[in-house]
């Protein structure tokens, strides 16, 4: 019975480690997407300002 409990605990720990790895990967991907979105927003704002200045000028 103790061997069964030990095996189950090892399996649970393995699953937890896999979930930690997945969470780290998801967080890394989210950070990359956030950086890309920020760059696009800044680019669009700069382009809009240039267009407005061109129209007014």
Protein backbone atom coordinates (compact mmCIF):
# COMPACT_ATOMS: atom_id res chain seq x y z
CA UNK A 1 0.00 0.00 0.00
CA UNK A 2 2.86 2.37 0.81
CA UNK A 3 4.40 1.71 -2.60
CA UNK A 4 1.09 2.59 -4.22
CA UNK A 5 0.93 5.87 -2.30
CA UNK A 6 4.53 6.68 -3.22
CA UNK A 7 3.85 5.98 -6.89
CA UNK A 8 0.76 8.18 -6.80
CA UNK A 9 2.70 11.02 -5.16
CA UNK A 10 5.44 10.76 -7.78
CA UNK A 11 2.80 10.93 -10.50
CA UNK A 12 1.19 13.99 -8.92
CA UNK A 13 4.56 15.72 -8.60
CA UNK A 14 5.31 14.95 -12.22
CA UNK A 15 1.98 16.44 -13.28
CA UNK A 16 2.63 19.55 -11.16
CA UNK A 17 6.05 20.02 -12.76
CA UNK A 18 4.49 19.70 -16.21
CA UNK A 19 1.87 22.29 -15.29
CA UNK A 20 4.58 24.65 -14.01
CA UNK A 21 6.42 24.32 -17.30
CA UNK A 22 3.23 25.01 -19.24
CA UNK A 23 2.44 28.08 -17.11
CA UNK A 24 5.96 29.46 -17.63
CA UNK A 25 5.62 28.95 -21.40
CA UNK A 26 2.21 30.63 -21.44
CA UNK A 27 3.55 33.60 -19.46
CA UNK A 28 6.52 33.95 -21.81
CA UNK A 29 4.24 33.85 -24.86
CA UNK A 30 1.91 36.43 -23.29
CA UNK A 31 4.83 38.77 -22.61
CA UNK A 32 5.99 38.48 -26.22
CA UNK A 33 2.48 39.22 -27.51
CA UNK A 34 2.21 42.20 -25.17
CA UNK A 35 5.48 43.64 -26.49
CA UNK A 36 4.37 43.15 -30.08
CA UNK A 37 1.00 44.78 -29.43
CA UNK A 38 2.67 47.75 -27.75
CA UNK A 39 4.96 48.26 -30.76
CA UNK A 40 1.98 48.13 -33.15
CA UNK A 41 0.00 50.64 -31.08
CA UNK A 42 2.94 53.05 -30.95
CA UNK A 43 3.43 52.67 -34.71
CA UNK A 44 -0.22 53.36 -35.45
CA UNK A 45 -0.25 56.43 -33.19
CA UNK A 46 2.92 57.80 -34.82
CA UNK A 47 1.48 57.18 -38.30
CA UNK A 48 -1.79 58.89 -37.34
CA UNK A 49 0.09 61.92 -36.01
CA UNK A 50 2.15 62.14 -39.21
CA UNK A 51 -0.99 61.92 -41.33
CA UNK A 52 -2.74 64.61 -39.26
CA UNK A 53 0.29 66.92 -39.53
CA UNK A 54 0.42 66.26 -43.30
CA UNK A 55 -3.25 67.10 -43.74
CA UNK A 56 -3.04 70.24 -41.61
CA UNK A 57 0.23 71.36 -43.18
